[in-house]
PDB file of N, CA and C in Angstrom:
ATOM      1  N   MET A   1     -10.168  19.240 -14.816  1.00  0.00           N
ATOM      2  CA  MET A   1      -9.944  19.098 -16.257  1.00  0.00           C
ATOM      3  C   MET A   1      -9.135  17.832 -16.537  1.00  0.00           C
ATOM      4  N   ALA A   2      -9.662  16.967 -17.365  1.00  0.00           N
ATOM      5  CA  ALA A   2      -8.973  15.712 -17.672  1.00  0.00           C
ATOM      6  C   ALA A   2      -7.781  15.970 -18.588  1.00  0.00           C
ATOM      7  N   SER A   3      -6.740  15.218 -18.349  1.00  0.00           N
ATOM      8  CA  SER A   3      -5.528  15.381 -19.151  1.00  0.00           C
ATOM      9  C   SER A   3      -5.596  14.504 -20.394  1.00  0.00           C
ATOM     10  N   ASP A   4      -5.102  15.022 -21.509  1.00  0.00           N
ATOM     11  CA  ASP A   4      -5.040  14.206 -22.730  1.00  0.00           C
ATOM     12  C   ASP A   4      -3.823  13.285 -22.690  1.00  0.00           C
ATOM     13  N   LYS A   5      -3.083  13.333 -21.594  1.00  0.00           N
ATOM     14  CA  LYS A   5      -1.880  12.518 -21.459  1.00  0.00           C
ATOM     15  C   LYS A   5      -2.179  11.209 -20.717  1.00  0.00           C
ATOM     16  N   ILE A   6      -3.450  10.964 -20.422  1.00  0.00           N
ATOM     17  CA  ILE A   6      -3.832   9.735 -19.722  1.00  0.00           C
ATOM     18  C   ILE A   6      -4.533   8.799 -20.694  1.00  0.00           C
ATOM     19  N   THR A   7      -4.065   7.555 -20.734  1.00  0.00           N
ATOM     20  CA  THR A   7      -4.630   6.533 -21.614  1.00  0.00           C
ATOM     21  C   THR A   7      -5.591   5.670 -20.807  1.00  0.00           C
ATOM     22  N   HIS A   8      -6.766   5.435 -21.349  1.00  0.00           N
ATOM     23  CA  HIS A   8      -7.706   4.521 -20.692  1.00  0.00           C
ATOM     24  C   HIS A   8      -7.420   3.115 -21.214  1.00  0.00           C
ATOM     25  N   VAL A   9      -7.090   2.210 -20.291  1.00  0.00           N
ATOM     26  CA  VAL A   9      -6.740   0.841 -20.681  1.00  0.00           C
ATOM     27  C   VAL A   9      -7.865  -0.116 -20.303  1.00  0.00           C
ATOM     28  N   THR A  10      -7.880  -1.259 -20.999  1.00  0.00           N
ATOM     29  CA  THR A  10      -8.900  -2.287 -20.775  1.00  0.00           C
ATOM     30  C   THR A  10      -8.211  -3.619 -20.500  1.00  0.00           C
ATOM     31  N   ASP A  11      -9.008  -4.600 -20.095  1.00  0.00           N
ATOM     32  CA  ASP A  11      -8.462  -5.942 -19.918  1.00  0.00           C
ATOM     33  C   ASP A  11      -7.775  -6.404 -21.204  1.00  0.00           C
ATOM     34  N   GLY A  12      -8.368  -6.028 -22.343  1.00  0.00           N
ATOM     35  CA  GLY A  12      -7.859  -6.480 -23.641  1.00  0.00           C
ATOM     36  C   GLY A  12      -6.518  -5.893 -24.036  1.00  0.00           C
ATOM     37  N   ASP A  13      -6.254  -4.637 -23.680  1.00  0.00           N
ATOM     38  CA  ASP A  13      -4.989  -4.019 -24.124  1.00  0.00           C
ATOM     39  C   ASP A  13      -4.014  -3.734 -22.982  1.00  0.00           C
ATOM     40  N   PHE A  14      -4.304  -4.257 -21.780  1.00  0.00           N
ATOM     41  CA  PHE A  14      -3.465  -3.974 -20.608  1.00  0.00           C
ATOM     42  C   PHE A  14      -2.005  -4.379 -20.832  1.00  0.00           C
ATOM     43  N   ASP A  15      -1.776  -5.593 -21.319  1.00  0.00           N
ATOM     44  CA  ASP A  15      -0.398  -6.055 -21.504  1.00  0.00           C
ATOM     45  C   ASP A  15       0.366  -5.163 -22.477  1.00  0.00           C
ATOM     46  N   ALA A  16      -0.265  -4.838 -23.598  1.00  0.00           N
ATOM     47  CA  ALA A  16       0.394  -4.005 -24.610  1.00  0.00           C
ATOM     48  C   ALA A  16       0.646  -2.591 -24.091  1.00  0.00           C
ATOM     49  N   GLN A  17      -0.329  -2.017 -23.386  1.00  0.00           N
ATOM     50  CA  GLN A  17      -0.236  -0.626 -22.933  1.00  0.00           C
ATOM     51  C   GLN A  17       0.638  -0.465 -21.694  1.00  0.00           C
ATOM     52  N   VAL A  18       0.631  -1.466 -20.805  1.00  0.00           N
ATOM     53  CA  VAL A  18       1.293  -1.328 -19.510  1.00  0.00           C
ATOM     54  C   VAL A  18       2.536  -2.209 -19.407  1.00  0.00           C
ATOM     55  N   LYS A  19       2.355  -3.506 -19.577  1.00  0.00           N
ATOM     56  CA  LYS A  19       3.470  -4.431 -19.343  1.00  0.00           C
ATOM     57  C   LYS A  19       4.571  -4.309 -20.394  1.00  0.00           C
ATOM     58  N   GLN A  20       4.206  -3.909 -21.616  1.00  0.00           N
ATOM     59  CA  GLN A  20       5.212  -3.813 -22.676  1.00  0.00           C
ATOM     60  C   GLN A  20       5.656  -2.378 -22.945  1.00  0.00           C
ATOM     61  N   ALA A  21       5.271  -1.462 -22.076  1.00  0.00           N
ATOM     62  CA  ALA A  21       5.624  -0.051 -22.276  1.00  0.00           C
ATOM     63  C   ALA A  21       7.113   0.178 -22.029  1.00  0.00           C
ATOM     64  N   ASP A  22       7.689   1.129 -22.764  1.00  0.00           N
ATOM     65  CA  ASP A  22       9.104   1.485 -22.605  1.00  0.00           C
ATOM     66  C   ASP A  22       9.331   2.312 -21.337  1.00  0.00           C
ATOM     67  N   LEU A  23       8.341   3.116 -20.976  1.00  0.00           N
ATOM     68  CA  LEU A  23       8.443   3.990 -19.804  1.00  0.00           C
ATOM     69  C   LEU A  23       7.788   3.311 -18.602  1.00  0.00           C
ATOM     70  N   PRO A  24       8.110   3.782 -17.389  1.00  0.00           N
ATOM     71  CA  PRO A  24       7.318   3.337 -16.230  1.00  0.00           C
ATOM     72  C   PRO A  24       5.858   3.757 -16.433  1.00  0.00           C
ATOM     73  N   VAL A  25       4.925   2.954 -15.925  1.00  0.00           N
ATOM     74  CA  VAL A  25       3.499   3.225 -16.127  1.00  0.00           C
ATOM     75  C   VAL A  25       2.765   3.231 -14.791  1.00  0.00           C
ATOM     76  N   LEU A  26       2.016   4.314 -14.541  1.00  0.00           N
ATOM     77  CA  LEU A  26       1.138   4.365 -13.368  1.00  0.00           C
ATOM     78  C   LEU A  26      -0.262   3.990 -13.832  1.00  0.00           C
ATOM     79  N   VAL A  27      -0.845   2.980 -13.186  1.00  0.00           N
ATOM     80  CA  VAL A  27      -2.215   2.581 -13.497  1.00  0.00           C
ATOM     81  C   VAL A  27      -3.113   2.983 -12.332  1.00  0.00           C
ATOM     82  N   ASP A  28      -4.121   3.782 -12.634  1.00  0.00           N
ATOM     83  CA  ASP A  28      -5.109   4.216 -11.648  1.00  0.00           C
ATOM     84  C   ASP A  28      -6.338   3.328 -11.827  1.00  0.00           C
ATOM     85  N   PHE A  29      -6.540   2.395 -10.885  1.00  0.00           N
ATOM     86  CA  PHE A  29      -7.736   1.551 -10.916  1.00  0.00           C
ATOM     87  C   PHE A  29      -8.840   2.316 -10.200  1.00  0.00           C
ATOM     88  N   TRP A  30      -9.944   2.595 -10.900  1.00  0.00           N
ATOM     89  CA  TRP A  30     -10.976   3.485 -10.389  1.00  0.00           C
ATOM     90  C   TRP A  30     -12.354   3.027 -10.864  1.00  0.00           C
ATOM     91  N   ALA A  31     -13.389   3.718 -10.392  1.00  0.00           N
ATOM     92  CA  ALA A  31     -14.761   3.516 -10.873  1.00  0.00           C
ATOM     93  C   ALA A  31     -15.488   4.856 -10.780  1.00  0.00           C
ATOM     94  N   PRO A  32     -16.455   5.078 -11.674  1.00  0.00           N
ATOM     95  CA  PRO A  32     -17.170   6.362 -11.707  1.00  0.00           C
ATOM     96  C   PRO A  32     -17.904   6.698 -10.403  1.00  0.00           C
ATOM     97  N   TRP A  33     -18.323   5.689  -9.653  1.00  0.00           N
ATOM     98  CA  TRP A  33     -19.087   5.916  -8.413  1.00  0.00           C
ATOM     99  C   TRP A  33     -18.189   6.150  -7.193  1.00  0.00           C
ATOM    100  N   CYS A  34     -16.889   6.053  -7.360  1.00  0.00           N
ATOM    101  CA  CYS A  34     -15.946   6.100  -6.236  1.00  0.00           C
ATOM    102  C   CYS A  34     -15.537   7.543  -5.921  1.00  0.00           C
ATOM    103  N   GLY A  35     -15.973   8.037  -4.742  1.00  0.00           N
ATOM    104  CA  GLY A  35     -15.664   9.408  -4.327  1.00  0.00           C
ATOM    105  C   GLY A  35     -14.174   9.705  -4.232  1.00  0.00           C
ATOM    106  N   PRO A  36     -13.395   8.869  -3.495  1.00  0.00           N
ATOM    107  CA  PRO A  36     -11.955   9.118  -3.393  1.00  0.00           C
ATOM    108  C   PRO A  36     -11.249   9.072  -4.760  1.00  0.00           C
ATOM    109  N   CYS A  37     -11.774   8.253  -5.690  1.00  0.00           N
ATOM    110  CA  CYS A  37     -11.197   8.200  -7.045  1.00  0.00           C
ATOM    111  C   CYS A  37     -11.346   9.558  -7.725  1.00  0.00           C
ATOM    112  N   LYS A  38     -12.544  10.140  -7.567  1.00  0.00           N
ATOM    113  CA  LYS A  38     -12.795  11.461  -8.157  1.00  0.00           C
ATOM    114  C   LYS A  38     -11.917  12.520  -7.491  1.00  0.00           C
ATOM    115  N   ALA A  39     -11.679  12.345  -6.189  1.00  0.00           N
ATOM    116  CA  ALA A  39     -10.884  13.323  -5.445  1.00  0.00           C
ATOM    117  C   ALA A  39      -9.437  13.366  -5.927  1.00  0.00           C
ATOM    118  N   ILE A  40      -8.856  12.197  -6.244  1.00  0.00           N
ATOM    119  CA  ILE A  40      -7.450  12.206  -6.674  1.00  0.00           C
ATOM    120  C   ILE A  40      -7.297  12.371  -8.189  1.00  0.00           C
ATOM    121  N   GLY A  41      -8.404  12.299  -8.924  1.00  0.00           N
ATOM    122  CA  GLY A  41      -8.354  12.429 -10.384  1.00  0.00           C
ATOM    123  C   GLY A  41      -7.610  13.666 -10.880  1.00  0.00           C
ATOM    124  N   PRO A  42      -7.952  14.868 -10.366  1.00  0.00           N
ATOM    125  CA  PRO A  42      -7.261  16.084 -10.835  1.00  0.00           C
ATOM    126  C   PRO A  42      -5.757  16.068 -10.531  1.00  0.00           C
ATOM    127  N   MET A  43      -5.378  15.467  -9.412  1.00  0.00           N
ATOM    128  CA  MET A  43      -3.959  15.382  -9.056  1.00  0.00           C
ATOM    129  C   MET A  43      -3.224  14.465 -10.047  1.00  0.00           C
ATOM    130  N   ILE A  44      -3.871  13.382 -10.443  1.00  0.00           N
ATOM    131  CA  ILE A  44      -3.253  12.472 -11.410  1.00  0.00           C
ATOM    132  C   ILE A  44      -3.120  13.158 -12.770  1.00  0.00           C
ATOM    133  N   ASP A  45      -4.153  13.936 -13.138  1.00  0.00           N
ATOM    134  CA  ASP A  45      -4.076  14.694 -14.396  1.00  0.00           C
ATOM    135  C   ASP A  45      -2.885  15.661 -14.370  1.00  0.00           C
ATOM    136  N   GLU A  46      -2.715  16.319 -13.241  1.00  0.00           N
ATOM    137  CA  GLU A  46      -1.622  17.283 -13.084  1.00  0.00           C
ATOM    138  C   GLU A  46      -0.255  16.582 -13.183  1.00  0.00           C
ATOM    139  N   LEU A  47      -0.135  15.440 -12.515  1.00  0.00           N
ATOM    140  CA  LEU A  47       1.128  14.685 -12.557  1.00  0.00           C
ATOM    141  C   LEU A  47       1.408  14.151 -13.961  1.00  0.00           C
ATOM    142  N   ALA A  48       0.350  13.774 -14.684  1.00  0.00           N
ATOM    143  CA  ALA A  48       0.533  13.290 -16.063  1.00  0.00           C
ATOM    144  C   ALA A  48       1.173  14.380 -16.914  1.00  0.00           C
ATOM    145  N   ASN A  49       0.793  15.638 -16.657  1.00  0.00           N
ATOM    146  CA  ASN A  49       1.404  16.755 -17.376  1.00  0.00           C
ATOM    147  C   ASN A  49       2.837  16.989 -16.899  1.00  0.00           C
ATOM    148  N   ASP A  50       3.043  16.935 -15.572  1.00  0.00           N
ATOM    149  CA  ASP A  50       4.373  17.169 -15.000  1.00  0.00           C
ATOM    150  C   ASP A  50       5.398  16.132 -15.462  1.00  0.00           C
ATOM    151  N   TYR A  51       4.958  14.881 -15.596  1.00  0.00           N
ATOM    152  CA  TYR A  51       5.880  13.782 -15.921  1.00  0.00           C
ATOM    153  C   TYR A  51       5.812  13.366 -17.388  1.00  0.00           C
ATOM    154  N   ASP A  52       5.218  14.216 -18.212  1.00  0.00           N
ATOM    155  CA  ASP A  52       5.083  13.907 -19.637  1.00  0.00           C
ATOM    156  C   ASP A  52       6.445  13.580 -20.246  1.00  0.00           C
ATOM    157  N   GLY A  53       6.511  12.436 -20.932  1.00  0.00           N
ATOM    158  CA  GLY A  53       7.763  12.030 -21.564  1.00  0.00           C
ATOM    159  C   GLY A  53       8.639  11.176 -20.669  1.00  0.00           C
ATOM    160  N   LYS A  54       8.368  11.199 -19.343  1.00  0.00           N
ATOM    161  CA  LYS A  54       9.175  10.413 -18.405  1.00  0.00           C
ATOM    162  C   LYS A  54       8.418   9.202 -17.894  1.00  0.00           C
ATOM    163  N   MET A  55       7.090   9.298 -17.947  1.00  0.00           N
ATOM    164  CA  MET A  55       6.252   8.249 -17.396  1.00  0.00           C
ATOM    165  C   MET A  55       4.923   8.243 -18.131  1.00  0.00           C
ATOM    166  N   LYS A  56       4.302   7.063 -18.203  1.00  0.00           N
ATOM    167  CA  LYS A  56       3.003   6.929 -18.852  1.00  0.00           C
ATOM    168  C   LYS A  56       1.934   6.813 -17.764  1.00  0.00           C
ATOM    169  N   PHE A  57       0.810   7.487 -17.951  1.00  0.00           N
ATOM    170  CA  PHE A  57      -0.290   7.450 -16.989  1.00  0.00           C
ATOM    171  C   PHE A  57      -1.503   6.800 -17.636  1.00  0.00           C
ATOM    172  N   THR A  58      -2.092   5.835 -16.936  1.00  0.00           N
ATOM    173  CA  THR A  58      -3.267   5.144 -17.461  1.00  0.00           C
ATOM    174  C   THR A  58      -4.326   5.043 -16.368  1.00  0.00           C
ATOM    175  N   LYS A  59      -5.570   4.857 -16.807  1.00  0.00           N
ATOM    176  CA  LYS A  59      -6.682   4.631 -15.887  1.00  0.00           C
ATOM    177  C   LYS A  59      -7.411   3.384 -16.359  1.00  0.00           C
ATOM    178  N   MET A  60      -7.873   2.585 -15.386  1.00  0.00           N
ATOM    179  CA  MET A  60      -8.683   1.422 -15.725  1.00  0.00           C
ATOM    180  C   MET A  60      -9.951   1.436 -14.892  1.00  0.00           C
ATOM    181  N   ASN A  61     -11.104   1.420 -15.576  1.00  0.00           N
ATOM    182  CA  ASN A  61     -12.401   1.359 -14.913  1.00  0.00           C
ATOM    183  C   ASN A  61     -12.624  -0.085 -14.461  1.00  0.00           C
ATOM    184  N   VAL A  62     -12.638  -0.314 -13.136  1.00  0.00           N
ATOM    185  CA  VAL A  62     -12.727  -1.680 -12.600  1.00  0.00           C
ATOM    186  C   VAL A  62     -14.096  -2.320 -12.850  1.00  0.00           C
ATOM    187  N   ASP A  63     -15.127  -1.505 -13.043  1.00  0.00           N
ATOM    188  CA  ASP A  63     -16.454  -2.057 -13.328  1.00  0.00           C
ATOM    189  C   ASP A  63     -16.509  -2.648 -14.740  1.00  0.00           C
ATOM    190  N   GLU A  64     -15.846  -1.989 -15.675  1.00  0.00           N
ATOM    191  CA  GLU A  64     -15.877  -2.432 -17.074  1.00  0.00           C
ATOM    192  C   GLU A  64     -14.806  -3.479 -17.362  1.00  0.00           C
ATOM    193  N   ASN A  65     -13.779  -3.563 -16.514  1.00  0.00           N
ATOM    194  CA  ASN A  65     -12.650  -4.462 -16.751  1.00  0.00           C
ATOM    195  C   ASN A  65     -12.320  -5.238 -15.471  1.00  0.00           C
ATOM    196  N   PRO A  66     -13.086  -6.289 -15.160  1.00  0.00           N
ATOM    197  CA  PRO A  66     -12.889  -6.987 -13.891  1.00  0.00           C
ATOM    198  C   PRO A  66     -11.683  -7.930 -13.860  1.00  0.00           C
ATOM    199  N   ALA A  67     -11.213  -8.395 -15.000  1.00  0.00           N
ATOM    200  CA  ALA A  67     -10.154  -9.417 -15.012  1.00  0.00           C
ATOM    201  C   ALA A  67      -8.822  -8.901 -14.483  1.00  0.00           C
ATOM    202  N   THR A  68      -8.377  -7.748 -14.970  1.00  0.00           N
ATOM    203  CA  THR A  68      -7.063  -7.226 -14.574  1.00  0.00           C
ATOM    204  C   THR A  68      -7.000  -6.879 -13.085  1.00  0.00           C
ATOM    205  N   PRO A  69      -7.968  -6.132 -12.528  1.00  0.00           N
ATOM    206  CA  PRO A  69      -7.911  -5.870 -11.082  1.00  0.00           C
ATOM    207  C   PRO A  69      -7.906  -7.168 -10.275  1.00  0.00           C
ATOM    208  N   GLY A  70      -8.643  -8.170 -10.739  1.00  0.00           N
ATOM    209  CA  GLY A  70      -8.676  -9.462 -10.064  1.00  0.00           C
ATOM    210  C   GLY A  70      -7.315 -10.129 -10.074  1.00  0.00           C
ATOM    211  N   GLN A  71      -6.625 -10.003 -11.190  1.00  0.00           N
ATOM    212  CA  GLN A  71      -5.285 -10.578 -11.360  1.00  0.00           C
ATOM    213  C   GLN A  71      -4.297  -9.977 -10.353  1.00  0.00           C
ATOM    214  N   PHE A  72      -4.492  -8.708 -10.003  1.00  0.00           N
ATOM    215  CA  PHE A  72      -3.589  -8.029  -9.071  1.00  0.00           C
ATOM    216  C   PHE A  72      -4.147  -7.976  -7.641  1.00  0.00           C
ATOM    217  N   GLY A  73      -5.268  -8.675  -7.401  1.00  0.00           N
ATOM    218  CA  GLY A  73      -5.826  -8.762  -6.058  1.00  0.00           C
ATOM    219  C   GLY A  73      -6.339  -7.439  -5.519  1.00  0.00           C
ATOM    220  N   ILE A  74      -6.849  -6.590  -6.400  1.00  0.00           N
ATOM    221  CA  ILE A  74      -7.334  -5.280  -5.965  1.00  0.00           C
ATOM    222  C   ILE A  74      -8.708  -5.420  -5.338  1.00  0.00           C
ATOM    223  N   ARG A  75      -8.818  -5.020  -4.067  1.00  0.00           N
ATOM    224  CA  ARG A  75     -10.070  -5.124  -3.340  1.00  0.00           C
ATOM    225  C   ARG A  75     -10.649  -3.755  -2.981  1.00  0.00           C
ATOM    226  N   ALA A  76      -9.860  -2.718  -3.076  1.00  0.00           N
ATOM    227  CA  ALA A  76     -10.320  -1.367  -2.745  1.00  0.00           C
ATOM    228  C   ALA A  76      -9.818  -0.405  -3.811  1.00  0.00           C
ATOM    229  N   ILE A  77     -10.617   0.619  -4.070  1.00  0.00           N
ATOM    230  CA  ILE A  77     -10.188   1.649  -5.026  1.00  0.00           C
ATOM    231  C   ILE A  77     -10.322   3.008  -4.359  1.00  0.00           C
ATOM    232  N   PRO A  78      -9.571   4.000  -4.781  1.00  0.00           N
ATOM    233  CA  PRO A  78      -8.566   3.884  -5.846  1.00  0.00           C
ATOM    234  C   PRO A  78      -7.340   3.092  -5.396  1.00  0.00           C
ATOM    235  N   THR A  79      -6.827   2.293  -6.322  1.00  0.00           N
ATOM    236  CA  THR A  79      -5.527   1.655  -6.134  1.00  0.00           C
ATOM    237  C   THR A  79      -4.653   2.121  -7.287  1.00  0.00           C
ATOM    238  N   LEU A  80      -3.475   2.591  -6.946  1.00  0.00           N
ATOM    239  CA  LEU A  80      -2.511   3.037  -7.956  1.00  0.00           C
ATOM    240  C   LEU A  80      -1.365   2.050  -7.952  1.00  0.00           C
ATOM    241  N   ILE A  81      -1.093   1.457  -9.105  1.00  0.00           N
ATOM    242  CA  ILE A  81       0.029   0.527  -9.216  1.00  0.00           C
ATOM    243  C   ILE A  81       1.011   1.096 -10.222  1.00  0.00           C
ATOM    244  N   LEU A  82       2.261   1.115  -9.816  1.00  0.00           N
ATOM    245  CA  LEU A  82       3.330   1.629 -10.664  1.00  0.00           C
ATOM    246  C   LEU A  82       4.106   0.447 -11.228  1.00  0.00           C
ATOM    247  N   PHE A  83       4.172   0.373 -12.550  1.00  0.00           N
ATOM    248  CA  PHE A  83       4.889  -0.707 -13.232  1.00  0.00           C
ATOM    249  C   PHE A  83       6.165  -0.164 -13.837  1.00  0.00           C
ATOM    250  N   LYS A  84       7.219  -0.953 -13.767  1.00  0.00           N
ATOM    251  CA  LYS A  84       8.464  -0.619 -14.461  1.00  0.00           C
ATOM    252  C   LYS A  84       8.987  -1.896 -15.076  1.00  0.00           C
ATOM    253  N   GLY A  85       9.217  -1.882 -16.393  1.00  0.00           N
ATOM    254  CA  GLY A  85       9.672  -3.078 -17.089  1.00  0.00           C
ATOM    255  C   GLY A  85       8.679  -4.224 -16.994  1.00  0.00           C
ATOM    256  N   GLY A  86       7.385  -3.889 -16.926  1.00  0.00           N
ATOM    257  CA  GLY A  86       6.349  -4.910 -16.876  1.00  0.00           C
ATOM    258  C   GLY A  86       6.098  -5.499 -15.498  1.00  0.00           C
ATOM    259  N   GLU A  87       6.881  -5.078 -14.507  1.00  0.00           N
ATOM    260  CA  GLU A  87       6.737  -5.601 -13.141  1.00  0.00           C
ATOM    261  C   GLU A  87       6.202  -4.513 -12.211  1.00  0.00           C
ATOM    262  N   ILE A  88       5.534  -4.934 -11.128  1.00  0.00           N
ATOM    263  CA  ILE A  88       5.039  -3.966 -10.148  1.00  0.00           C
ATOM    264  C   ILE A  88       6.225  -3.397  -9.371  1.00  0.00           C
ATOM    265  N   ALA A  89       6.365  -2.079  -9.406  1.00  0.00           N
ATOM    266  CA  ALA A  89       7.444  -1.402  -8.680  1.00  0.00           C
ATOM    267  C   ALA A  89       6.936  -0.855  -7.354  1.00  0.00           C
ATOM    268  N   ASP A  90       5.647  -0.462  -7.322  1.00  0.00           N
ATOM    269  CA  ASP A  90       5.082   0.103  -6.100  1.00  0.00           C
ATOM    270  C   ASP A  90       3.566   0.118  -6.226  1.00  0.00           C
ATOM    271  N   GLN A  91       2.894   0.269  -5.083  1.00  0.00           N
ATOM    272  CA  GLN A  91       1.437   0.259  -5.072  1.00  0.00           C
ATOM    273  C   GLN A  91       0.933   1.069  -3.888  1.00  0.00           C
ATOM    274  N   ILE A  92      -0.125   1.852  -4.129  1.00  0.00           N
ATOM    275  CA  ILE A  92      -0.763   2.640  -3.069  1.00  0.00           C
ATOM    276  C   ILE A  92      -2.265   2.442  -3.204  1.00  0.00           C
ATOM    277  N   THR A  93      -2.927   2.229  -2.076  1.00  0.00           N
ATOM    278  CA  THR A  93      -4.387   2.131  -2.086  1.00  0.00           C
ATOM    279  C   THR A  93      -4.965   3.268  -1.269  1.00  0.00           C
ATOM    280  N   GLY A  94      -6.035   3.865  -1.804  1.00  0.00           N
ATOM    281  CA  GLY A  94      -6.707   4.953  -1.105  1.00  0.00           C
ATOM    282  C   GLY A  94      -6.288   6.306  -1.657  1.00  0.00           C
ATOM    283  N   ALA A  95      -7.019   7.324  -1.251  1.00  0.00           N
ATOM    284  CA  ALA A  95      -6.718   8.684  -1.700  1.00  0.00           C
ATOM    285  C   ALA A  95      -5.506   9.187  -0.920  1.00  0.00           C
ATOM    286  N   VAL A  96      -4.429   9.442  -1.623  1.00  0.00           N
ATOM    287  CA  VAL A  96      -3.187   9.884  -0.983  1.00  0.00           C
ATOM    288  C   VAL A  96      -2.869  11.306  -1.417  1.00  0.00           C
ATOM    289  N   GLY A  97      -1.951  11.932  -0.701  1.00  0.00           N
ATOM    290  CA  GLY A  97      -1.539  13.288  -1.039  1.00  0.00           C
ATOM    291  C   GLY A  97      -0.551  13.289  -2.193  1.00  0.00           C
ATOM    292  N   LYS A  98      -0.410  14.442  -2.802  1.00  0.00           N
ATOM    293  CA  LYS A  98       0.487  14.589  -3.946  1.00  0.00           C
ATOM    294  C   LYS A  98       1.940  14.274  -3.570  1.00  0.00           C
ATOM    295  N   THR A  99       2.356  14.679  -2.375  1.00  0.00           N
ATOM    296  CA  THR A  99       3.739  14.442  -1.945  1.00  0.00           C
ATOM    297  C   THR A  99       4.063  12.952  -1.934  1.00  0.00           C
ATOM    298  N   GLN A 100       3.128  12.160  -1.397  1.00  0.00           N
ATOM    299  CA  GLN A 100       3.325  10.712  -1.326  1.00  0.00           C
ATOM    300  C   GLN A 100       3.391  10.100  -2.731  1.00  0.00           C
ATOM    301  N   LEU A 101       2.544  10.602  -3.615  1.00  0.00           N
ATOM    302  CA  LEU A 101       2.507  10.099  -4.986  1.00  0.00           C
ATOM    303  C   LEU A 101       3.786  10.464  -5.745  1.00  0.00           C
ATOM    304  N   VAL A 102       4.235  11.704  -5.594  1.00  0.00           N
ATOM    305  CA  VAL A 102       5.468  12.157  -6.251  1.00  0.00           C
ATOM    306  C   VAL A 102       6.658  11.315  -5.773  1.00  0.00           C
ATOM    307  N   ALA A 103       6.708  11.032  -4.470  1.00  0.00           N
ATOM    308  CA  ALA A 103       7.795  10.212  -3.916  1.00  0.00           C
ATOM    309  C   ALA A 103       7.790   8.817  -4.561  1.00  0.00           C
ATOM    310  N   MET A 104       6.594   8.247  -4.734  1.00  0.00           N
ATOM    311  CA  MET A 104       6.463   6.937  -5.365  1.00  0.00           C
ATOM    312  C   MET A 104       6.958   6.977  -6.811  1.00  0.00           C
ATOM    313  N   LEU A 105       6.551   7.999  -7.555  1.00  0.00           N
ATOM    314  CA  LEU A 105       6.928   8.119  -8.965  1.00  0.00           C
ATOM    315  C   LEU A 105       8.424   8.336  -9.123  1.00  0.00           C
ATOM    316  N   ASP A 106       8.986   9.208  -8.275  1.00  0.00           N
ATOM    317  CA  ASP A 106      10.397   9.556  -8.403  1.00  0.00           C
ATOM    318  C   ASP A 106      11.324   8.372  -8.105  1.00  0.00           C
ATOM    319  N   LYS A 107      10.828   7.411  -7.320  1.00  0.00           N
ATOM    320  CA  LYS A 107      11.639   6.235  -6.979  1.00  0.00           C
ATOM    321  C   LYS A 107      12.048   5.416  -8.202  1.00  0.00           C
ATOM    322  N   VAL A 108      11.201   5.423  -9.240  1.00  0.00           N
ATOM    323  CA  VAL A 108      11.486   4.577 -10.410  1.00  0.00           C
ATOM    324  C   VAL A 108      12.150   5.338 -11.554  1.00  0.00           C
ATOM    325  N   LEU A 109      12.323   6.639 -11.385  1.00  0.00           N
ATOM    326  CA  LEU A 109      12.924   7.424 -12.481  1.00  0.00           C
ATOM    327  C   LEU A 109      14.435   7.526 -12.343  1.00  0.00           C
TER     328      LEU A 109
END
């Protein structure tokens, strides 16, 4: 079940939605054809609910928005990048477990 707490961002609104956000922002770079992306999707939805009000969760479809992933040198998906104050605070590539993701998120709170 998709969470209503996740914002879909584009190349056009990335700076406004992510870099200028007041809260830390997790960006999930994904594509509809990516199996591991689908595998971690429900976990990200769950975390978006758990961290509501403390962190912003976004997803970016790399097929529809090639400029931003290129800017961050993303070569494999899923790649999760955590931004704080407009800067990269942490990054994970590949399907990871919830424990690893929670540890990453908690570091910036």
